[in-house]
Amino acid sequence: MTEPREPLIPCDQAVRQLWAYVEASVPPVDHAKITEHLAICQRCCGELEFVKHLRGLLAAQTTDEVPPELIRQLNQFVEEL
């Protein structure tokens, strides 16, 4: 006899955890539940794609260079000391 399956997590619970899911920072049991939900929920798959796209855009905007204007302002501040 097979064991009864747990019901799928609801969409709101899956969506709340998508960012952590993409970053692989949810506990394994939650990861499995979200993966199972995404396997059948087209709407949440769209939300997942949005999170991935937004994460990519944010990563692309991050820079380690200091803007020239900020360097100029810092130099001016130091000179005024």
N, C-alpha and C. Protein backbone atom coordinates (compact mmCIF):
# COMPACT_ATOMS: atom_id res chain seq x y z
N MET A 1 0.84 -1.18 0.00
CA MET A 1 0.00 0.00 0.00
C MET A 1 0.89 1.25 0.00
N THR A 2 0.55 2.25 -0.78
CA THR A 2 1.35 3.47 -0.84
C THR A 2 0.95 4.41 0.28
N GLU A 3 1.92 5.20 0.69
CA GLU A 3 1.66 6.19 1.74
C GLU A 3 0.88 7.36 1.16
N PRO A 4 -0.03 7.94 1.93
CA PRO A 4 -0.76 9.11 1.42
C PRO A 4 0.19 10.28 1.25
N ARG A 5 -0.01 11.01 0.16
CA ARG A 5 0.84 12.16 -0.13
C ARG A 5 0.32 13.38 0.61
N GLU A 6 1.27 14.22 0.98
CA GLU A 6 0.89 15.52 1.56
C GLU A 6 0.30 16.37 0.46
N PRO A 7 -0.66 17.22 0.80
CA PRO A 7 -1.18 18.13 -0.23
C PRO A 7 -0.11 19.12 -0.66
N LEU A 8 -0.22 19.59 -1.88
CA LEU A 8 0.73 20.59 -2.36
C LEU A 8 0.62 21.86 -1.53
N ILE A 9 1.76 22.56 -1.41
CA ILE A 9 1.71 23.84 -0.72
C ILE A 9 0.92 24.82 -1.59
N PRO A 10 0.24 25.78 -0.98
CA PRO A 10 -0.52 26.75 -1.76
C PRO A 10 0.40 27.73 -2.49
N CYS A 11 -0.14 28.36 -3.51
CA CYS A 11 0.63 29.31 -4.33
C CYS A 11 1.27 30.41 -3.49
N ASP A 12 0.52 30.99 -2.56
CA ASP A 12 1.08 32.10 -1.79
C ASP A 12 2.31 31.67 -0.99
N GLN A 13 2.30 30.46 -0.48
CA GLN A 13 3.45 29.96 0.27
C GLN A 13 4.64 29.72 -0.67
N ALA A 14 4.37 29.17 -1.84
CA ALA A 14 5.44 28.93 -2.81
C ALA A 14 6.06 30.25 -3.27
N VAL A 15 5.21 31.22 -3.60
CA VAL A 15 5.70 32.51 -4.11
C VAL A 15 6.51 33.24 -3.06
N ARG A 16 6.09 33.19 -1.80
CA ARG A 16 6.84 33.87 -0.74
C ARG A 16 8.26 33.35 -0.61
N GLN A 17 8.49 32.11 -1.01
CA GLN A 17 9.81 31.50 -0.84
C GLN A 17 10.62 31.44 -2.14
N LEU A 18 10.11 32.01 -3.22
CA LEU A 18 10.80 31.86 -4.51
C LEU A 18 12.20 32.45 -4.52
N TRP A 19 12.38 33.62 -3.90
CA TRP A 19 13.71 34.24 -3.92
C TRP A 19 14.72 33.33 -3.22
N ALA A 20 14.34 32.83 -2.05
CA ALA A 20 15.23 31.92 -1.32
C ALA A 20 15.41 30.61 -2.10
N TYR A 21 14.37 30.17 -2.78
CA TYR A 21 14.44 28.95 -3.60
C TYR A 21 15.48 29.12 -4.71
N VAL A 22 15.45 30.25 -5.39
CA VAL A 22 16.40 30.51 -6.47
C VAL A 22 17.82 30.58 -5.93
N GLU A 23 17.99 31.11 -4.73
CA GLU A 23 19.31 31.21 -4.13
C GLU A 23 19.72 29.93 -3.40
N ALA A 24 18.87 28.90 -3.46
CA ALA A 24 19.12 27.62 -2.80
C ALA A 24 19.36 27.79 -1.30
N SER A 25 18.59 28.68 -0.68
CA SER A 25 18.76 28.91 0.75
C SER A 25 17.53 28.48 1.55
N VAL A 26 16.66 27.68 0.95
CA VAL A 26 15.54 27.11 1.69
C VAL A 26 15.95 25.72 2.16
N PRO A 27 15.41 25.28 3.28
CA PRO A 27 15.71 23.92 3.74
C PRO A 27 15.32 22.89 2.68
N PRO A 28 16.01 21.76 2.63
CA PRO A 28 15.72 20.75 1.61
C PRO A 28 14.25 20.32 1.55
N VAL A 29 13.60 20.21 2.69
CA VAL A 29 12.20 19.80 2.68
C VAL A 29 11.33 20.85 1.99
N ASP A 30 11.60 22.14 2.23
CA ASP A 30 10.86 23.21 1.57
C ASP A 30 11.20 23.27 0.09
N HIS A 31 12.46 23.04 -0.24
CA HIS A 31 12.88 23.04 -1.64
C HIS A 31 12.09 21.98 -2.41
N ALA A 32 11.96 20.80 -1.82
CA ALA A 32 11.22 19.72 -2.48
C ALA A 32 9.75 20.09 -2.65
N LYS A 33 9.16 20.72 -1.64
CA LYS A 33 7.75 21.11 -1.73
C LYS A 33 7.54 22.16 -2.82
N ILE A 34 8.45 23.11 -2.91
CA ILE A 34 8.33 24.16 -3.93
C ILE A 34 8.54 23.55 -5.32
N THR A 35 9.53 22.68 -5.45
CA THR A 35 9.78 22.02 -6.72
C THR A 35 8.55 21.24 -7.17
N GLU A 36 7.93 20.52 -6.25
CA GLU A 36 6.72 19.76 -6.57
C GLU A 36 5.60 20.69 -7.01
N HIS A 37 5.45 21.81 -6.32
CA HIS A 37 4.42 22.79 -6.67
C HIS A 37 4.68 23.36 -8.07
N LEU A 38 5.92 23.73 -8.33
CA LEU A 38 6.27 24.32 -9.62
C LEU A 38 6.07 23.33 -10.77
N ALA A 39 6.14 22.05 -10.48
CA ALA A 39 5.98 21.04 -11.52
C ALA A 39 4.56 21.03 -12.10
N ILE A 40 3.60 21.57 -11.35
CA ILE A 40 2.22 21.54 -11.86
C ILE A 40 1.57 22.92 -11.95
N CYS A 41 2.19 23.94 -11.39
CA CYS A 41 1.53 25.26 -11.34
C CYS A 41 2.17 26.22 -12.34
N GLN A 42 1.48 26.43 -13.43
CA GLN A 42 1.99 27.30 -14.49
C GLN A 42 2.12 28.75 -14.01
N ARG A 43 1.17 29.22 -13.21
CA ARG A 43 1.22 30.60 -12.71
C ARG A 43 2.49 30.83 -11.88
N CYS A 44 2.78 29.92 -10.98
CA CYS A 44 3.96 30.09 -10.14
C CYS A 44 5.26 29.93 -10.93
N CYS A 45 5.22 29.14 -12.00
CA CYS A 45 6.39 29.04 -12.89
C CYS A 45 6.68 30.41 -13.51
N GLY A 46 5.62 31.14 -13.85
CA GLY A 46 5.79 32.50 -14.36
C GLY A 46 6.40 33.41 -13.31
N GLU A 47 5.96 33.25 -12.06
CA GLU A 47 6.53 34.04 -10.96
C GLU A 47 8.00 33.69 -10.79
N LEU A 48 8.34 32.43 -10.91
CA LEU A 48 9.74 32.00 -10.79
C LEU A 48 10.59 32.63 -11.88
N GLU A 49 10.10 32.65 -13.10
CA GLU A 49 10.85 33.27 -14.19
C GLU A 49 11.04 34.77 -13.94
N PHE A 50 10.03 35.42 -13.38
CA PHE A 50 10.14 36.84 -13.04
C PHE A 50 11.24 37.05 -11.99
N VAL A 51 11.25 36.21 -10.95
CA VAL A 51 12.27 36.32 -9.90
C VAL A 51 13.67 36.12 -10.49
N LYS A 52 13.80 35.13 -11.36
CA LYS A 52 15.12 34.89 -11.98
C LYS A 52 15.54 36.09 -12.84
N HIS A 53 14.59 36.64 -13.59
CA HIS A 53 14.89 37.79 -14.44
C HIS A 53 15.26 39.01 -13.59
N LEU A 54 14.50 39.28 -12.56
CA LEU A 54 14.78 40.41 -11.67
C LEU A 54 16.12 40.24 -10.99
N ARG A 55 16.42 39.05 -10.54
CA ARG A 55 17.71 38.78 -9.90
C ARG A 55 18.86 39.05 -10.87
N GLY A 56 18.68 38.64 -12.12
CA GLY A 56 19.69 38.88 -13.14
C GLY A 56 19.89 40.36 -13.41
N LEU A 57 18.78 41.10 -13.48
CA LEU A 57 18.88 42.55 -13.69
C LEU A 57 19.60 43.23 -12.53
N LEU A 58 19.26 42.84 -11.32
CA LEU A 58 19.91 43.44 -10.15
C LEU A 58 21.39 43.11 -10.13
N ALA A 59 21.74 41.89 -10.48
CA ALA A 59 23.15 41.49 -10.50
C ALA A 59 23.91 42.27 -11.57
N ALA A 60 23.26 42.53 -12.69
CA ALA A 60 23.91 43.27 -13.77
C ALA A 60 24.16 44.73 -13.40
N GLN A 61 23.36 45.27 -12.49
CA GLN A 61 23.50 46.66 -12.10
C GLN A 61 24.55 46.86 -11.02
N THR A 62 25.00 45.80 -10.40
CA THR A 62 25.98 45.89 -9.34
C THR A 62 27.35 46.11 -9.96
N THR A 63 28.07 47.05 -9.38
CA THR A 63 29.40 47.34 -9.88
C THR A 63 30.34 47.56 -8.69
N ASP A 64 31.56 47.18 -8.85
CA ASP A 64 32.56 47.39 -7.80
C ASP A 64 33.32 48.69 -8.01
N GLU A 65 33.08 49.38 -9.11
CA GLU A 65 33.78 50.63 -9.39
C GLU A 65 33.09 51.79 -8.70
N VAL A 66 33.89 52.70 -8.20
CA VAL A 66 33.36 53.91 -7.58
C VAL A 66 33.12 54.93 -8.69
N PRO A 67 31.90 55.48 -8.74
CA PRO A 67 31.61 56.46 -9.79
C PRO A 67 32.55 57.67 -9.69
N PRO A 68 33.00 58.21 -10.83
CA PRO A 68 33.93 59.36 -10.83
C PRO A 68 33.39 60.55 -10.05
N GLU A 69 32.10 60.81 -10.12
CA GLU A 69 31.52 61.94 -9.39
C GLU A 69 31.68 61.76 -7.89
N LEU A 70 31.52 60.55 -7.40
CA LEU A 70 31.70 60.30 -5.97
C LEU A 70 33.15 60.50 -5.57
N ILE A 71 34.08 60.07 -6.40
CA ILE A 71 35.51 60.29 -6.12
C ILE A 71 35.80 61.79 -6.05
N ARG A 72 35.25 62.55 -6.99
CA ARG A 72 35.45 64.00 -6.99
C ARG A 72 34.91 64.62 -5.71
N GLN A 73 33.72 64.21 -5.30
CA GLN A 73 33.12 64.76 -4.08
C GLN A 73 33.93 64.39 -2.84
N LEU A 74 34.44 63.18 -2.80
CA LEU A 74 35.26 62.78 -1.65
C LEU A 74 36.57 63.56 -1.62
N ASN A 75 37.19 63.75 -2.79
CA ASN A 75 38.41 64.55 -2.83
C ASN A 75 38.16 65.96 -2.39
N GLN A 76 37.06 66.54 -2.82
CA GLN A 76 36.71 67.90 -2.41
C GLN A 76 36.47 67.97 -0.91
N PHE A 77 35.83 66.99 -0.36
CA PHE A 77 35.58 66.95 1.09
C PHE A 77 36.88 66.90 1.85
N VAL A 78 37.81 66.04 1.41
CA VAL A 78 39.09 65.91 2.08
C VAL A 78 39.88 67.21 2.01
N GLU A 79 39.86 67.88 0.87
CA GLU A 79 40.58 69.14 0.73
C GLU A 79 40.03 70.23 1.65
N GLU A 80 38.76 70.16 1.93
CA GLU A 80 38.12 71.17 2.78
C GLU A 80 38.36 70.92 4.26
N LEU A 81 38.92 69.80 4.64
CA LEU A 81 39.19 69.50 6.04
C LEU A 81 40.26 70.35 6.61
